[in-house]
Amino acid sequence: MLRFKTLSAIVVLVALLSIGGTIGWAEQEQPQYGGTIVLQESQDFVGLNPLQETDYYSRGGMRQIFDSLLELSPETRLPAALLAEKWEFNKDGSEITFYLHHGVKFHNGQELTSEDVKFSIEWILAPNHATKRKPDLDWIDHVQVIDEYTFKIVVKPESVPNAAALTTLATLRISVVPKDFAGMTLEAFNEHPIGSGPFEFKEWVRGDHLTLVKNTDYWLKEPYLDQVIFRAIPKLATAMLELEKGGVDITDNVLSDYIPQYKEREDIVIQQVPAEDFYWIGFNVIRAPFNNITFRKAVSMSIDMDGAQQVIKGNASVRAYGIVSPTVWGNDREYLKNNVALKKDDEKAKQLFQELKDAGVIPPDFSPIVYTPPDPVRIKLGEILVTNLQQNGINAELRTLEWATYLGLLYGEERNYNIYVIGYPGFPEPSYLLEHLFASKNAEPGFTNWCYYKNPAVDLLLDTAARTLDHNLRESYYVAAQRLILEDYVVIPAYHNLVTRGVRARVHDYHAFTDYALVSPYNNVWVEPRK
């Protein structure tokens, strides 16, 4: 029997620290009330109704105005209490009962109850409501109110049990709004939202700024900040200037060339943590000789991925050894780094290529094409691979396509590509990337298993994990599945992007790991007076 040692929260945090993450929940200075914090967003908000909007930039403002049922713990990356103080599954996972905190009030003084939760979730699910959140909750049949502070989410029969249900609610921050939008029209609520969060809406000037003020009656804890301002500054170079002179306190990104110099300054702190995404070089394994594991291993040994990652994304990424990001449980990073990842070995690669040529596996006129999208970083990665293959006796060539053509190639019926360079967004549990990219059910034209990889053992592990409510068992299944995939060398892991924030030193108890959480069970941001 295989046994796996799961990564504890402490091990994960140590791993993050070792690659440059800034983590720490204890503040040494004495917090103080008052002051304004200014946050930069690269784009303006689309809207402020959490039942409708899903875009990344709107989430920053909505997070301050609204509370969600569950929070994602920054320490364990598992669902944790927020509006719901506890919950329980029934025996078969067909129902999840939630118990709300008592005494939570919306900004208009109305108490938050189970009826508001039912309205919020079922509004998203209503067939006549066009919202991008609907697919995220398509596993929910309905919400049943038990009493003022207790309700059940009833899972659709075909989705029972849904082991990722709580992670979905926590990660996507399924927020609660007042029933019937507190008597407001949908349009009016989007422009003047009412939530139960730590800050209340004051003013939104589209394309310029959003201003929020302290909710003095916040149920969780009293916010230290008096005011929060989000400024829309699309040009990152302009945002850097504002950060340097104190016009903004936190930027949503930092130009990579600025990172070294900012790390030398006393008035700016650079915070970096790995994103949940994954970038890689992939093989189409239904085509010869890419269906040959020896060939794939020889290609993997031809490239120094550690060096390539540093050259192309050194200040803004971390080397990937697996598919699952270091910030996600079950990533198995150290095992994969030490036992599966292949180091550059040109002599061995040349030997293997020659053996395959002698055996007729590689034809005499073999000239594989490495495809990339028009992204400079991925073009450079493709160039490095092509150069390394040519040096090892494989006459590879690079071909860059416009995005529409590139995606058409990957999703197309013909499946006539060899090697490709791509990335994919992640989610705070292993199932998302492993299923999307490697499950056999997705190895069809139009789906996302672009390697066309099929492994019944991997499928069984993924399917079992998806229906296992015990977290430790789920983690062991995902660890096993990822090992099988990577031991088949169908991809060469490249990097995970780093979420990078520029933070003025006057800001305390802010952590990039929690994104724009200014007040949460884990932190309460405060600022020193401006100098």
Protein backbone atom coordinates (compact mmCIF):
# COMPACT_ATOMS: atom_id res chain seq x y z
CA MET A 1 0.00 0.00 0.00
CA LEU A 2 1.23 3.47 -0.85
CA ARG A 3 1.47 5.87 2.07
CA PHE A 4 1.90 9.61 1.76
CA LYS A 5 3.07 12.17 4.25
CA THR A 6 0.76 15.15 3.87
CA LEU A 7 2.11 18.68 4.13
CA SER A 8 1.07 20.42 7.31
CA ALA A 9 0.32 24.13 7.38
CA ILE A 10 3.70 24.75 9.01
CA VAL A 11 5.58 22.96 6.24
CA VAL A 12 3.68 24.88 3.57
CA LEU A 13 4.47 28.21 5.21
CA VAL A 14 8.14 27.32 5.57
CA ALA A 15 8.22 26.37 1.88
CA LEU A 16 6.70 29.72 0.95
CA LEU A 17 9.17 31.62 3.05
CA SER A 18 12.03 29.82 1.35
CA ILE A 19 10.94 31.12 -2.06
CA GLY A 20 10.40 34.70 -1.03
CA GLY A 21 6.88 34.82 0.36
CA THR A 22 6.15 37.33 3.10
CA ILE A 23 4.05 35.61 5.74
CA GLY A 24 3.52 36.31 9.42
CA TRP A 25 0.42 36.92 11.42
CA ALA A 26 1.81 38.45 14.60
CA GLU A 27 2.40 42.19 14.60
CA GLN A 28 5.18 43.56 16.82
CA GLU A 29 4.09 47.21 16.75
CA GLN A 30 1.15 48.57 18.73
CA PRO A 31 -1.90 48.93 16.44
CA GLN A 32 -3.70 52.25 16.33
CA TYR A 33 -7.15 53.33 15.21
CA GLY A 34 -7.77 55.85 12.45
CA GLY A 35 -6.35 56.78 9.10
CA THR A 36 -6.99 56.10 5.44
CA ILE A 37 -5.47 53.45 3.22
CA VAL A 38 -5.28 53.85 -0.57
CA LEU A 39 -5.18 50.75 -2.76
CA GLN A 40 -4.38 50.74 -6.47
CA GLU A 41 -6.32 48.60 -8.95
CA SER A 42 -5.18 48.14 -12.55
CA GLN A 43 -8.78 48.25 -13.74
CA ASP A 44 -11.95 49.91 -12.54
CA PHE A 45 -14.66 47.83 -10.93
CA VAL A 46 -17.30 46.32 -13.19
CA GLY A 47 -19.90 46.46 -10.45
CA LEU A 48 -20.41 46.00 -6.71
CA ASN A 49 -23.11 43.33 -6.54
CA PRO A 50 -21.42 40.10 -5.37
CA LEU A 51 -24.25 37.96 -6.76
CA GLN A 52 -23.41 39.14 -10.26
CA GLU A 53 -19.78 40.19 -10.51
CA THR A 54 -16.90 37.71 -10.65
CA ASP A 55 -14.06 39.77 -12.13
CA TYR A 56 -10.85 39.96 -10.15
CA TYR A 57 -10.81 43.72 -9.70
CA SER A 58 -14.39 44.11 -8.47
CA ARG A 59 -13.69 41.50 -5.80
CA GLY A 60 -11.30 43.85 -3.98
CA GLY A 61 -14.03 46.38 -3.27
CA MET A 62 -16.81 43.86 -2.68
CA ARG A 63 -14.69 42.01 -0.11
CA GLN A 64 -14.76 45.05 2.17
CA ILE A 65 -18.52 45.65 1.81
CA PHE A 66 -19.83 42.09 2.05
CA ASP A 67 -19.18 39.05 4.20
CA SER A 68 -19.15 35.55 2.78
CA LEU A 69 -20.47 32.40 4.41
CA LEU A 70 -16.99 30.93 4.70
CA GLU A 71 -13.44 32.25 4.58
CA LEU A 72 -10.40 30.51 3.15
CA SER A 73 -7.87 30.14 5.93
CA PRO A 74 -4.57 31.70 4.85
CA GLU A 75 -2.71 29.27 7.10
CA THR A 76 -4.21 25.96 5.93
CA ARG A 77 -5.91 27.01 2.67
CA LEU A 78 -8.98 25.14 3.90
CA PRO A 79 -12.53 26.49 4.45
CA ALA A 80 -12.92 28.32 7.75
CA ALA A 81 -15.74 30.06 9.62
CA LEU A 82 -17.01 33.53 8.81
CA LEU A 83 -20.77 34.24 8.71
CA ALA A 84 -21.28 30.51 9.22
CA GLU A 85 -19.70 29.66 12.58
CA LYS A 86 -20.00 25.90 11.99
CA TRP A 87 -21.42 23.36 9.56
CA GLU A 88 -21.94 19.64 9.13
CA PHE A 89 -22.58 17.16 6.32
CA ASN A 90 -25.24 14.49 6.68
CA LYS A 91 -24.15 10.86 6.28
CA ASP A 92 -24.20 10.68 2.47
CA GLY A 93 -23.16 14.29 1.80
CA SER A 94 -26.50 15.22 0.22
CA GLU A 95 -27.12 18.02 2.73
CA ILE A 96 -24.86 20.56 4.44
CA THR A 97 -26.30 22.27 7.51
CA PHE A 98 -24.90 25.70 8.40
CA TYR A 99 -25.23 27.64 11.65
CA LEU A 100 -24.97 31.43 11.35
CA HIS A 101 -23.43 33.82 13.82
CA HIS A 102 -26.12 35.64 15.79
CA GLY A 103 -26.40 39.41 15.78
CA VAL A 104 -24.77 40.14 12.41
CA LYS A 105 -26.25 43.32 10.94
CA PHE A 106 -26.26 44.83 7.49
CA HIS A 107 -25.17 48.42 7.10
CA ASN A 108 -28.82 49.55 7.15
CA GLY A 109 -29.30 48.00 10.63
CA GLN A 110 -31.26 44.98 9.42
CA GLU A 111 -30.20 41.66 10.99
CA LEU A 112 -28.68 39.02 8.69
CA THR A 113 -30.62 35.74 8.83
CA SER A 114 -31.04 32.45 6.98
CA GLU A 115 -33.64 34.08 4.73
CA ASP A 116 -30.96 36.42 3.38
CA VAL A 117 -28.69 33.45 2.66
CA LYS A 118 -31.48 31.59 0.87
CA PHE A 119 -32.27 34.66 -1.21
CA SER A 120 -28.62 35.25 -2.13
CA ILE A 121 -27.85 31.69 -3.25
CA GLU A 122 -31.15 31.03 -5.02
CA TRP A 123 -31.00 34.40 -6.78
CA ILE A 124 -27.71 33.26 -8.35
CA LEU A 125 -29.28 29.94 -9.37
CA ALA A 126 -32.50 31.42 -10.80
CA PRO A 127 -32.76 30.59 -14.54
CA ASN A 128 -33.82 34.13 -15.44
CA HIS A 129 -30.79 35.77 -13.80
CA ALA A 130 -27.73 36.17 -16.01
CA THR A 131 -24.77 35.80 -13.68
CA LYS A 132 -21.36 34.24 -14.21
CA ARG A 133 -21.54 32.83 -10.67
CA LYS A 134 -24.20 30.30 -11.68
CA PRO A 135 -21.82 27.56 -12.94
CA ASP A 136 -19.94 27.71 -9.63
CA LEU A 137 -23.08 26.69 -7.73
CA ASP A 138 -24.68 24.30 -10.21
CA TRP A 139 -24.25 21.48 -7.66
CA ILE A 140 -26.84 23.12 -5.37
CA ASP A 141 -30.46 22.01 -5.69
CA HIS A 142 -31.97 24.47 -3.22
CA VAL A 143 -31.58 26.12 0.18
CA GLN A 144 -33.86 25.09 3.04
CA VAL A 145 -34.38 27.50 5.96
CA ILE A 146 -34.63 25.68 9.29
CA ASP A 147 -34.78 28.68 11.60
CA GLU A 148 -33.52 32.25 11.80
CA TYR A 149 -29.87 31.18 12.08
CA THR A 150 -29.84 27.66 10.62
CA PHE A 151 -30.22 26.52 7.02
CA LYS A 152 -29.37 23.60 4.75
CA ILE A 153 -27.83 23.51 1.32
CA VAL A 154 -29.35 20.53 -0.48
CA VAL A 155 -26.99 19.05 -3.08
CA LYS A 156 -28.29 17.82 -6.43
CA PRO A 157 -28.46 14.00 -6.51
CA GLU A 158 -25.97 13.75 -9.37
CA SER A 159 -23.44 15.83 -7.38
CA VAL A 160 -23.62 13.84 -4.12
CA PRO A 161 -21.24 14.09 -2.40
CA ASN A 162 -19.42 17.22 -3.53
CA ALA A 163 -16.18 17.20 -1.57
CA ALA A 164 -15.16 20.60 -2.96
CA ALA A 165 -18.41 22.32 -1.94
CA LEU A 166 -17.00 24.18 1.06
CA THR A 167 -13.85 25.21 -0.81
CA THR A 168 -16.04 26.64 -3.58
CA LEU A 169 -18.10 28.69 -1.13
CA ALA A 170 -14.98 29.94 0.67
CA THR A 171 -12.75 30.67 -2.32
CA LEU A 172 -15.36 32.35 -4.48
CA ARG A 173 -16.62 34.24 -1.42
CA ILE A 174 -20.29 33.52 -1.97
CA SER A 175 -21.52 36.62 -0.17
CA VAL A 176 -24.82 37.39 1.51
CA VAL A 177 -26.93 40.41 0.55
CA PRO A 178 -30.17 41.62 2.18
CA LYS A 179 -33.24 39.74 0.99
CA ASP A 180 -34.84 41.43 -2.04
CA PHE A 181 -31.83 43.77 -2.13
CA ALA A 182 -33.29 45.71 0.83
CA GLY A 183 -36.10 46.98 -1.39
CA MET A 184 -33.73 48.48 -3.97
CA THR A 185 -33.69 47.81 -7.68
CA LEU A 186 -30.87 45.66 -8.99
CA GLU A 187 -29.31 48.69 -10.70
CA ALA A 188 -29.54 50.83 -7.58
CA PHE A 189 -28.03 48.13 -5.38
CA ASN A 190 -25.10 47.74 -7.78
CA GLU A 191 -24.37 51.46 -7.49
CA HIS A 192 -25.03 51.80 -3.72
CA PRO A 193 -24.50 48.35 -2.19
CA ILE A 194 -25.48 47.34 1.34
CA GLY A 195 -23.56 44.52 2.99
CA SER A 196 -22.51 43.36 6.44
CA GLY A 197 -18.76 43.80 5.92
CA PRO A 198 -16.19 45.90 7.80
CA PHE A 199 -16.60 48.94 5.53
CA GLU A 200 -19.64 50.75 4.17
CA PHE A 201 -20.14 52.24 0.74
CA LYS A 202 -19.66 56.01 0.48
CA GLU A 203 -18.85 56.97 -3.12
CA TRP A 204 -17.98 55.42 -6.45
CA VAL A 205 -16.69 57.61 -9.28
CA ARG A 206 -16.35 55.23 -12.21
CA GLY A 207 -12.89 55.15 -13.72
CA ASP A 208 -11.39 57.05 -10.82
CA HIS A 209 -12.03 55.85 -7.26
CA LEU A 210 -14.21 54.00 -4.78
CA THR A 211 -14.45 55.30 -1.21
CA LEU A 212 -15.55 53.19 1.75
CA VAL A 213 -15.88 54.17 5.41
CA LYS A 214 -15.57 52.18 8.62
CA ASN A 215 -18.52 50.08 9.77
CA THR A 216 -18.50 51.04 13.44
CA ASP A 217 -20.95 48.22 14.24
CA TYR A 218 -19.00 45.42 12.55
CA TRP A 219 -19.81 42.11 14.21
CA LEU A 220 -16.40 40.40 13.91
CA LYS A 221 -14.06 43.06 15.28
CA GLU A 222 -13.73 46.83 15.16
CA PRO A 223 -11.75 47.86 12.05
CA TYR A 224 -8.69 49.99 12.77
CA LEU A 225 -9.01 51.97 9.54
CA ASP A 226 -11.44 54.87 9.19
CA GLN A 227 -11.50 54.92 5.40
CA VAL A 228 -10.51 52.81 2.41
CA ILE A 229 -9.98 54.26 -1.07
CA PHE A 230 -9.49 52.19 -4.22
CA ARG A 231 -7.90 54.11 -7.10
CA ALA A 232 -8.11 52.89 -10.68
CA ILE A 233 -4.62 53.35 -12.18
CA PRO A 234 -4.33 51.21 -15.35
CA LYS A 235 -0.71 52.05 -16.17
CA LEU A 236 1.59 50.11 -13.87
CA ALA A 237 4.44 52.59 -14.36
CA THR A 238 2.16 55.34 -13.04
CA ALA A 239 1.20 53.12 -10.13
CA MET A 240 4.89 52.68 -9.29
CA LEU A 241 5.37 56.43 -9.15
CA GLU A 242 2.34 56.78 -6.88
CA LEU A 243 3.68 54.04 -4.61
CA GLU A 244 7.07 55.74 -4.37
CA LYS A 245 5.65 59.13 -3.41
CA GLY A 246 2.93 57.74 -1.14
CA GLY A 247 -0.06 58.44 -3.36
CA VAL A 248 -1.07 54.80 -2.94
CA ASP A 249 -0.28 52.45 -0.07
CA ILE A 250 -0.66 49.10 -1.86
CA THR A 251 -0.35 48.24 -5.55
CA ASP A 252 -1.96 45.19 -7.12
CA ASN A 253 1.28 44.38 -8.98
CA VAL A 254 4.86 45.56 -9.32
CA LEU A 255 6.91 45.87 -12.48
CA SER A 256 9.50 43.09 -12.28
CA ASP A 257 12.39 45.48 -13.02
CA TYR A 258 11.43 47.54 -9.96
CA ILE A 259 11.43 44.65 -7.49
CA PRO A 260 15.21 44.60 -6.69
CA GLN A 261 15.39 48.35 -6.08
CA TYR A 262 12.21 48.37 -3.96
CA LYS A 263 13.63 45.61 -1.79
CA GLU A 264 16.45 48.01 -0.90
CA ARG A 265 14.09 50.78 0.23
CA GLU A 266 12.93 51.25 3.81
CA ASP A 267 9.62 52.89 2.88
CA ILE A 268 8.38 50.07 0.58
CA VAL A 269 7.89 46.39 1.32
CA ILE A 270 7.63 43.83 -1.48
CA GLN A 271 5.30 40.96 -0.65
CA GLN A 272 5.31 37.89 -2.90
CA VAL A 273 3.53 34.55 -2.70
CA PRO A 274 2.99 31.90 -5.40
CA ALA A 275 -0.26 32.11 -7.33
CA GLU A 276 -2.38 28.99 -7.79
CA ASP A 277 -1.70 28.89 -11.53
CA PHE A 278 0.53 26.51 -13.50
CA TYR A 279 2.68 27.07 -16.62
CA TRP A 280 4.25 24.19 -18.48
CA ILE A 281 5.59 22.62 -21.66
CA GLY A 282 3.26 19.85 -22.81
CA PHE A 283 3.39 16.90 -25.21
CA ASN A 284 0.58 15.66 -27.42
CA VAL A 285 0.91 12.00 -26.44
CA ILE A 286 -1.38 10.59 -29.13
CA ARG A 287 1.23 11.42 -31.78
CA ALA A 288 4.51 9.60 -32.35
CA PRO A 289 7.17 9.86 -31.06
CA PHE A 290 5.60 11.97 -28.31
CA ASN A 291 3.71 8.87 -27.17
CA ASN A 292 7.08 7.36 -26.21
CA ILE A 293 8.06 8.02 -22.57
CA THR A 294 11.78 7.70 -23.34
CA PHE A 295 11.48 10.45 -25.93
CA ARG A 296 9.60 12.67 -23.48
CA LYS A 297 12.22 12.10 -20.77
CA ALA A 298 15.00 12.95 -23.23
CA VAL A 299 13.27 16.23 -24.08
CA SER A 300 12.89 16.96 -20.36
CA MET A 301 16.60 16.35 -19.80
CA SER A 302 17.46 18.72 -22.65
CA ILE A 303 16.26 21.85 -20.86
CA ASP A 304 17.59 23.46 -17.70
CA MET A 305 14.20 24.55 -16.37
CA ASP A 306 15.67 26.11 -13.22
CA GLY A 307 17.83 28.37 -15.37
CA ALA A 308 15.06 29.02 -17.89
CA GLN A 309 12.61 30.06 -15.17
CA GLN A 310 15.14 32.50 -13.74
CA VAL A 311 15.88 34.00 -17.16
CA ILE A 312 12.28 34.49 -18.25
CA LYS A 313 10.41 35.16 -14.98
CA GLY A 314 13.03 35.30 -12.24
CA ASN A 315 11.56 38.11 -10.11
CA ALA A 316 7.95 37.26 -10.78
CA SER A 317 7.66 33.47 -10.57
CA VAL A 318 8.75 30.38 -8.71
CA ARG A 319 9.98 27.18 -10.33
CA ALA A 320 7.28 24.53 -10.68
CA TYR A 321 8.16 20.93 -9.87
CA GLY A 322 4.60 19.74 -9.87
CA ILE A 323 1.23 20.78 -11.24
CA VAL A 324 -0.23 21.98 -7.94
CA SER A 325 1.02 25.33 -6.61
CA PRO A 326 3.08 25.51 -3.39
CA THR A 327 0.21 27.49 -1.80
CA VAL A 328 -2.26 24.62 -2.30
CA TRP A 329 -2.49 21.60 -0.02
CA GLY A 330 -1.38 18.31 -1.52
CA ASN A 331 1.26 19.98 -3.68
CA ASP A 332 3.88 17.30 -2.83
CA ARG A 333 6.54 19.80 -3.88
CA GLU A 334 9.61 18.40 -2.11
CA TYR A 335 9.01 14.81 -3.18
CA LEU A 336 8.52 15.80 -6.82
CA LYS A 337 11.56 18.06 -6.79
CA ASN A 338 13.84 15.37 -5.36
CA ASN A 339 12.42 12.22 -6.93
CA VAL A 340 10.63 12.99 -10.21
CA ALA A 341 11.92 16.21 -11.79
CA LEU A 342 14.73 15.51 -14.28
CA LYS A 343 17.86 17.64 -14.22
CA LYS A 344 19.50 18.84 -17.41
CA ASP A 345 21.73 16.07 -18.78
CA ASP A 346 22.73 16.69 -22.41
CA GLU A 347 24.88 13.59 -22.74
CA LYS A 348 22.10 11.31 -21.52
CA ALA A 349 19.53 13.08 -23.70
CA LYS A 350 21.73 12.72 -26.80
CA GLN A 351 22.22 9.05 -26.02
CA LEU A 352 18.47 8.43 -25.68
CA PHE A 353 17.65 10.37 -28.84
CA GLN A 354 20.23 8.35 -30.79
CA GLU A 355 18.87 5.06 -29.46
CA LEU A 356 15.36 6.08 -30.53
CA LYS A 357 16.65 7.04 -33.99
CA ASP A 358 18.44 3.69 -34.32
CA ALA A 359 15.23 1.89 -33.33
CA GLY A 360 13.19 3.80 -35.90
CA VAL A 361 11.09 5.54 -33.25
CA ILE A 362 12.40 8.92 -34.41
CA PRO A 363 12.26 9.13 -38.23
CA PRO A 364 15.25 10.51 -40.22
CA ASP A 365 13.48 13.74 -41.26
CA PHE A 366 11.96 14.39 -37.83
CA SER A 367 11.45 18.12 -37.16
CA PRO A 368 9.08 18.74 -34.23
CA ILE A 369 7.34 22.11 -33.90
CA VAL A 370 7.16 23.85 -30.53
CA TYR A 371 4.05 26.04 -30.49
CA THR A 372 3.69 29.14 -28.30
CA PRO A 373 1.12 31.93 -27.95
CA PRO A 374 2.24 35.54 -28.63
CA ASP A 375 3.30 36.09 -25.03
CA PRO A 376 6.97 37.17 -24.80
CA VAL A 377 7.62 35.02 -21.72
CA ARG A 378 6.28 31.84 -23.30
CA ILE A 379 7.99 32.63 -26.60
CA LYS A 380 11.29 32.86 -24.75
CA LEU A 381 10.63 29.55 -23.01
CA GLY A 382 9.90 27.97 -26.38
CA GLU A 383 13.09 29.45 -27.82
CA ILE A 384 15.16 27.98 -25.00
CA LEU A 385 13.65 24.53 -25.53
CA VAL A 386 14.16 24.64 -29.31
CA THR A 387 17.79 25.71 -28.91
CA ASN A 388 18.46 22.94 -26.38
CA LEU A 389 16.85 20.29 -28.60
CA GLN A 390 18.86 21.41 -31.61
CA GLN A 391 22.05 21.16 -29.56
CA ASN A 392 21.08 17.60 -28.65
CA GLY A 393 20.43 16.46 -32.23
CA ILE A 394 16.70 17.16 -32.66
CA ASN A 395 15.91 19.59 -35.46
CA ALA A 396 13.12 21.42 -33.61
CA GLU A 397 11.56 24.70 -34.70
CA LEU A 398 9.50 27.37 -32.97
CA ARG A 399 6.15 28.56 -34.24
CA THR A 400 4.28 31.42 -32.55
CA LEU A 401 0.56 31.89 -33.26
CA GLU A 402 -1.90 34.64 -32.43
CA TRP A 403 -4.07 33.75 -29.45
CA ALA A 404 -7.22 32.87 -31.40
CA THR A 405 -5.27 30.64 -33.78
CA TYR A 406 -3.28 29.10 -30.92
CA LEU A 407 -6.37 28.21 -28.90
CA GLY A 408 -8.01 26.93 -32.07
CA LEU A 409 -5.04 24.59 -32.50
CA LEU A 410 -5.26 23.25 -28.93
CA TYR A 411 -9.04 22.89 -28.90
CA GLY A 412 -9.38 21.76 -32.52
CA GLU A 413 -10.55 18.45 -33.94
CA GLU A 414 -7.31 17.78 -35.85
CA ARG A 415 -5.05 17.56 -32.76
CA ASN A 416 -2.10 18.06 -35.11
CA TYR A 417 0.44 19.69 -32.81
CA ASN A 418 3.55 18.29 -31.16
CA ILE A 419 4.82 20.33 -28.22
CA TYR A 420 3.06 23.37 -26.77
CA VAL A 421 3.71 26.02 -24.12
CA ILE A 422 0.72 27.21 -22.09
CA GLY A 423 -0.58 28.18 -18.64
CA TYR A 424 -3.79 27.68 -16.72
CA PRO A 425 -5.36 29.41 -13.69
CA GLY A 426 -5.62 27.47 -10.45
CA PHE A 427 -7.86 27.00 -7.45
CA PRO A 428 -7.04 26.38 -3.78
CA GLU A 429 -7.36 22.62 -4.00
CA PRO A 430 -5.63 20.08 -6.27
CA SER A 431 -8.75 18.84 -8.06
CA TYR A 432 -9.08 21.86 -10.32
CA LEU A 433 -5.85 21.57 -12.33
CA LEU A 434 -5.53 17.80 -12.13
CA GLU A 435 -9.04 17.18 -13.47
CA HIS A 436 -9.12 19.93 -16.07
CA LEU A 437 -5.74 19.10 -17.53
CA PHE A 438 -5.32 15.34 -17.09
CA ALA A 439 -8.65 13.54 -16.60
CA SER A 440 -9.50 11.20 -19.50
CA LYS A 441 -12.98 12.74 -19.80
CA ASN A 442 -11.29 15.99 -20.86
CA ALA A 443 -9.06 14.33 -23.48
CA GLU A 444 -11.40 15.23 -26.31
CA PRO A 445 -11.38 18.09 -28.84
CA GLY A 446 -12.84 21.20 -27.27
CA PHE A 447 -11.71 20.28 -23.75
CA THR A 448 -8.61 21.14 -21.74
CA ASN A 449 -6.59 17.90 -21.55
CA TRP A 450 -4.33 19.14 -24.33
CA CYS A 451 -1.86 16.31 -23.76
CA TYR A 452 -4.65 13.84 -24.63
CA TYR A 453 -3.36 11.88 -21.67
CA LYS A 454 -5.46 8.95 -20.48
CA ASN A 455 -4.61 6.90 -17.41
CA PRO A 456 -7.36 4.80 -15.76
CA ALA A 457 -5.47 4.79 -12.45
CA VAL A 458 -5.35 8.60 -12.45
CA ASP A 459 -9.05 8.79 -13.32
CA LEU A 460 -9.95 6.44 -10.46
CA LEU A 461 -7.93 8.48 -7.98
CA LEU A 462 -9.47 11.78 -9.14
CA ASP A 463 -13.03 10.42 -9.13
CA THR A 464 -12.58 8.88 -5.69
CA ALA A 465 -11.09 12.06 -4.28
CA ALA A 466 -13.96 14.16 -5.63
CA ARG A 467 -16.42 12.07 -3.60
CA THR A 468 -14.38 11.66 -0.43
CA LEU A 469 -15.28 14.00 2.43
CA ASP A 470 -12.32 13.03 4.64
CA HIS A 471 -9.67 15.65 3.89
CA ASN A 472 -6.62 13.53 4.65
CA LEU A 473 -7.83 10.75 2.36
CA ARG A 474 -8.61 13.24 -0.40
CA GLU A 475 -5.14 14.69 -0.13
CA SER A 476 -3.50 11.25 -0.41
CA TYR A 477 -5.51 10.49 -3.56
CA TYR A 478 -4.49 13.76 -5.23
CA VAL A 479 -0.86 13.29 -4.24
CA ALA A 480 -0.92 9.81 -5.80
CA ALA A 481 -2.62 11.06 -8.98
CA GLN A 482 -0.11 13.87 -9.48
CA ARG A 483 2.82 11.50 -9.01
CA LEU A 484 1.47 9.14 -11.66
CA ILE A 485 0.99 11.99 -14.14
CA LEU A 486 4.45 13.45 -13.62
CA GLU A 487 6.15 10.05 -13.64
CA ASP A 488 4.72 9.65 -17.15
CA TYR A 489 6.51 12.91 -18.13
CA VAL A 490 3.60 14.19 -20.23
CA VAL A 491 4.44 17.74 -19.14
CA ILE A 492 7.57 19.63 -18.14
CA PRO A 493 6.54 21.90 -15.22
CA ALA A 494 7.89 25.42 -15.74
CA TYR A 495 6.70 27.97 -13.18
CA HIS A 496 3.96 29.39 -10.99
CA ASN A 497 3.54 33.16 -11.11
CA LEU A 498 4.20 35.14 -7.97
CA VAL A 499 1.46 37.41 -6.68
CA THR A 500 3.44 40.58 -6.04
CA ARG A 501 2.28 43.54 -4.00
CA GLY A 502 4.08 46.80 -3.36
CA VAL A 503 3.21 47.96 0.16
CA ARG A 504 4.14 51.19 1.91
CA ALA A 505 5.95 50.53 5.20
CA ARG A 506 3.28 52.51 7.08
CA VAL A 507 0.83 49.65 6.43
CA HIS A 508 0.69 46.89 9.05
CA ASP A 509 -0.97 43.46 9.21
CA TYR A 510 -1.58 43.29 5.48
CA HIS A 511 -0.60 40.03 3.80
CA ALA A 512 -0.52 39.39 0.06
CA PHE A 513 -1.43 35.81 0.92
CA THR A 514 -4.92 37.03 1.83
CA ASP A 515 -5.23 39.30 -1.20
CA TYR A 516 -7.17 42.46 -0.25
CA ALA A 517 -8.48 41.24 3.12
CA LEU A 518 -8.23 44.34 5.30
CA VAL A 519 -10.28 42.93 8.18
CA SER A 520 -10.72 39.19 8.64
CA PRO A 521 -10.50 36.54 11.36
CA TYR A 522 -6.75 36.56 10.69
CA ASN A 523 -5.84 40.23 10.40
CA ASN A 524 -6.92 43.83 10.93
CA VAL A 525 -4.94 46.29 8.84
CA TRP A 526 -3.80 49.53 10.44
CA VAL A 527 -1.62 52.40 9.28
CA GLU A 528 0.86 54.81 10.77
CA PRO A 529 0.20 58.52 10.14
CA ARG A 530 1.48 59.79 6.80
CA LYS A 531 4.82 61.54 7.01
